[in-house]
Every structure is written in structure tokens, then in C-alpha cells.
Amino acid sequence: MDAIVTEKNGNASDSDTMMLFGGLACMLFGAGMVLSNPTLRRYLGQVRPADLLSAAVPDVEKYLKLRAM
């Protein structure tokens, strides 16, 4: 294992860039697959951002209390 050493001096290599764009492409493809389903599109059309925010607030508060410990 010592023979395979990767040195990084803060610069992104070509493989890092390819991994970044590959991940973005997978996320875009996945979002397209989800939004192409008419049932999910109808369900997501009924969701309001205020409801999502109010549901997430208790979890965020709990996370911040754990971080403060």
C-alpha cells in the first residue's frame, strides 16, 4: 500500500473534476426520473415550502444542541 501514494497540494486533479461532474450528472438524471412520474409530480405540487421548513426546525434545533455539547 505504501507504493501507491497520491500527493495533493490543494489543486484539483482531472479525476476529481470528473467525479464532480459525474455526480452532478447522476443527480440531474435522478431528478429527471423522479419528476417524470406523474404521481410524484402531483404530490410534489401540493407540498408548500413553509410546511417543510416548519417540519425541519425541531430537527435543526436538536442538531445544534448536540453540536454545542
N, C-alpha and C. Protein backbone atom coordinates (compact mmCIF):
# COMPACT_ATOMS: atom_id res chain seq x y z
N MET A 1 0.81 -1.19 0.00
CA MET A 1 0.00 0.00 0.00
C MET A 1 0.85 1.26 0.00
N ASP A 2 2.07 1.17 0.50
CA ASP A 2 2.93 2.34 0.53
C ASP A 2 3.39 2.73 -0.87
N ALA A 3 3.35 1.79 -1.80
CA ALA A 3 3.80 2.09 -3.16
C ALA A 3 2.82 3.00 -3.89
N ILE A 4 1.55 2.95 -3.50
CA ILE A 4 0.53 3.78 -4.14
C ILE A 4 0.24 4.96 -3.23
N VAL A 5 0.86 6.07 -3.51
CA VAL A 5 0.68 7.27 -2.70
C VAL A 5 0.25 8.39 -3.62
N THR A 6 -0.81 9.05 -3.24
CA THR A 6 -1.29 10.19 -4.02
C THR A 6 -0.98 11.46 -3.26
N GLU A 7 -0.23 12.33 -3.89
CA GLU A 7 0.08 13.60 -3.26
C GLU A 7 -0.84 14.66 -3.82
N LYS A 8 -1.45 15.42 -2.93
CA LYS A 8 -2.32 16.52 -3.34
C LYS A 8 -1.83 17.78 -2.66
N ASN A 9 -1.62 18.81 -3.44
CA ASN A 9 -1.14 20.07 -2.89
C ASN A 9 -2.21 21.14 -2.96
N GLY A 10 -3.48 20.76 -2.84
CA GLY A 10 -4.55 21.72 -2.87
C GLY A 10 -5.13 21.94 -4.25
N ASN A 11 -4.54 21.37 -5.26
CA ASN A 11 -5.05 21.53 -6.62
C ASN A 11 -5.92 20.34 -6.98
N ALA A 12 -7.02 20.61 -7.66
CA ALA A 12 -7.91 19.54 -8.09
C ALA A 12 -7.30 18.83 -9.29
N SER A 13 -7.36 17.53 -9.28
CA SER A 13 -6.83 16.77 -10.41
C SER A 13 -7.96 16.50 -11.40
N ASP A 14 -7.60 15.90 -12.53
CA ASP A 14 -8.59 15.60 -13.55
C ASP A 14 -9.62 14.60 -13.03
N SER A 15 -9.18 13.63 -12.24
CA SER A 15 -10.13 12.63 -11.74
C SER A 15 -11.12 13.26 -10.76
N ASP A 16 -10.66 14.23 -9.97
CA ASP A 16 -11.58 14.92 -9.05
C ASP A 16 -12.65 15.67 -9.82
N THR A 17 -12.24 16.31 -10.91
CA THR A 17 -13.19 17.06 -11.73
C THR A 17 -14.18 16.11 -12.39
N MET A 18 -13.71 14.98 -12.87
CA MET A 18 -14.60 14.01 -13.49
C MET A 18 -15.58 13.43 -12.48
N MET A 19 -15.13 13.19 -11.26
CA MET A 19 -16.02 12.69 -10.21
C MET A 19 -17.08 13.73 -9.87
N LEU A 20 -16.71 15.01 -9.83
CA LEU A 20 -17.65 16.08 -9.55
C LEU A 20 -18.73 16.14 -10.63
N PHE A 21 -18.32 16.17 -11.89
CA PHE A 21 -19.29 16.26 -12.97
C PHE A 21 -20.11 14.98 -13.12
N GLY A 22 -19.51 13.85 -12.81
CA GLY A 22 -20.26 12.59 -12.84
C GLY A 22 -21.34 12.57 -11.76
N GLY A 23 -21.01 13.07 -10.58
CA GLY A 23 -22.01 13.15 -9.51
C GLY A 23 -23.13 14.11 -9.85
N LEU A 24 -22.78 15.25 -10.44
CA LEU A 24 -23.81 16.20 -10.85
C LEU A 24 -24.71 15.61 -11.92
N ALA A 25 -24.12 14.87 -12.86
CA ALA A 25 -24.93 14.25 -13.92
C ALA A 25 -25.88 13.21 -13.34
N CYS A 26 -25.41 12.44 -12.36
CA CYS A 26 -26.28 11.44 -11.73
C CYS A 26 -27.42 12.11 -10.97
N MET A 27 -27.14 13.22 -10.30
CA MET A 27 -28.19 13.93 -9.58
C MET A 27 -29.22 14.50 -10.55
N LEU A 28 -28.76 15.05 -11.65
CA LEU A 28 -29.67 15.60 -12.64
C LEU A 28 -30.53 14.51 -13.27
N PHE A 29 -29.91 13.37 -13.59
CA PHE A 29 -30.64 12.25 -14.16
C PHE A 29 -31.68 11.72 -13.16
N GLY A 30 -31.29 11.61 -11.89
CA GLY A 30 -32.21 11.12 -10.87
C GLY A 30 -33.39 12.05 -10.67
N ALA A 31 -33.11 13.37 -10.67
CA ALA A 31 -34.20 14.33 -10.52
C ALA A 31 -35.14 14.26 -11.72
N GLY A 32 -34.59 14.05 -12.90
CA GLY A 32 -35.43 13.92 -14.09
C GLY A 32 -36.30 12.67 -14.03
N MET A 33 -35.74 11.59 -13.51
CA MET A 33 -36.51 10.35 -13.39
C MET A 33 -37.65 10.52 -12.38
N VAL A 34 -37.37 11.19 -11.28
CA VAL A 34 -38.40 11.41 -10.26
C VAL A 34 -39.51 12.31 -10.80
N LEU A 35 -39.12 13.39 -11.46
CA LEU A 35 -40.11 14.36 -11.92
C LEU A 35 -40.86 13.89 -13.17
N SER A 36 -40.40 12.82 -13.79
CA SER A 36 -41.12 12.31 -14.96
C SER A 36 -42.32 11.45 -14.55
N ASN A 37 -42.40 11.07 -13.27
CA ASN A 37 -43.52 10.28 -12.78
C ASN A 37 -44.69 11.21 -12.46
N PRO A 38 -45.84 11.04 -13.12
CA PRO A 38 -46.96 11.97 -12.91
C PRO A 38 -47.51 11.94 -11.48
N THR A 39 -47.48 10.79 -10.82
CA THR A 39 -47.97 10.71 -9.45
C THR A 39 -47.09 11.53 -8.51
N LEU A 40 -45.78 11.39 -8.64
CA LEU A 40 -44.88 12.16 -7.79
C LEU A 40 -44.94 13.65 -8.12
N ARG A 41 -45.10 13.97 -9.38
CA ARG A 41 -45.21 15.38 -9.76
C ARG A 41 -46.44 16.02 -9.13
N ARG A 42 -47.55 15.29 -9.11
CA ARG A 42 -48.77 15.80 -8.49
C ARG A 42 -48.58 15.96 -6.98
N TYR A 43 -47.92 14.97 -6.35
CA TYR A 43 -47.68 15.03 -4.91
C TYR A 43 -46.75 16.19 -4.56
N LEU A 44 -45.68 16.38 -5.32
CA LEU A 44 -44.74 17.46 -5.04
C LEU A 44 -45.36 18.83 -5.32
N GLY A 45 -46.36 18.88 -6.19
CA GLY A 45 -47.03 20.14 -6.45
C GLY A 45 -47.89 20.60 -5.29
N GLN A 46 -48.25 19.69 -4.39
CA GLN A 46 -49.08 20.04 -3.24
C GLN A 46 -48.25 20.44 -2.02
N VAL A 47 -46.96 20.19 -2.04
CA VAL A 47 -46.10 20.48 -0.90
C VAL A 47 -45.74 21.97 -0.91
N ARG A 48 -45.91 22.60 0.25
CA ARG A 48 -45.55 24.01 0.38
C ARG A 48 -44.22 24.12 1.13
N PRO A 49 -43.34 25.02 0.71
CA PRO A 49 -42.04 25.17 1.38
C PRO A 49 -42.17 25.55 2.86
N ALA A 50 -43.20 26.30 3.21
CA ALA A 50 -43.37 26.68 4.62
C ALA A 50 -43.62 25.45 5.49
N ASP A 51 -44.36 24.48 4.97
CA ASP A 51 -44.61 23.26 5.73
C ASP A 51 -43.31 22.47 5.94
N LEU A 52 -42.49 22.41 4.90
CA LEU A 52 -41.22 21.70 5.01
C LEU A 52 -40.30 22.38 6.02
N LEU A 53 -40.29 23.70 5.99
CA LEU A 53 -39.44 24.44 6.92
C LEU A 53 -39.89 24.25 8.36
N SER A 54 -41.19 24.31 8.59
CA SER A 54 -41.69 24.14 9.96
C SER A 54 -41.46 22.72 10.46
N ALA A 55 -41.45 21.75 9.57
CA ALA A 55 -41.17 20.37 9.98
C ALA A 55 -39.69 20.16 10.27
N ALA A 56 -38.82 20.93 9.65
CA ALA A 56 -37.37 20.75 9.82
C ALA A 56 -36.81 21.50 11.02
N VAL A 57 -37.50 22.50 11.51
CA VAL A 57 -36.98 23.33 12.60
C VAL A 57 -36.65 22.52 13.86
N PRO A 58 -37.51 21.62 14.34
CA PRO A 58 -37.14 20.85 15.54
C PRO A 58 -35.88 20.00 15.35
N ASP A 59 -35.70 19.44 14.16
CA ASP A 59 -34.51 18.64 13.91
C ASP A 59 -33.25 19.51 13.90
N VAL A 60 -33.35 20.69 13.34
CA VAL A 60 -32.20 21.60 13.31
C VAL A 60 -31.85 22.05 14.72
N GLU A 61 -32.85 22.34 15.52
CA GLU A 61 -32.59 22.75 16.91
C GLU A 61 -31.91 21.62 17.69
N LYS A 62 -32.37 20.39 17.49
CA LYS A 62 -31.76 19.26 18.17
C LYS A 62 -30.31 19.08 17.72
N TYR A 63 -30.04 19.25 16.42
CA TYR A 63 -28.69 19.13 15.89
C TYR A 63 -27.78 20.21 16.50
N LEU A 64 -28.28 21.42 16.59
CA LEU A 64 -27.45 22.50 17.14
C LEU A 64 -27.15 22.27 18.62
N LYS A 65 -28.10 21.69 19.37
CA LYS A 65 -27.84 21.38 20.78
C LYS A 65 -26.78 20.31 20.90
N LEU A 66 -26.81 19.31 20.01
CA LEU A 66 -25.79 18.25 20.05
C LEU A 66 -24.42 18.81 19.70
N ARG A 67 -24.37 19.74 18.75
CA ARG A 67 -23.09 20.34 18.36
C ARG A 67 -22.51 21.19 19.49
N ALA A 68 -23.37 21.79 20.31
CA ALA A 68 -22.90 22.66 21.38
C ALA A 68 -22.32 21.87 22.55
N MET A 69 -22.59 20.58 22.63
CA MET A 69 -22.09 19.78 23.76
C MET A 69 -20.60 19.63 23.72
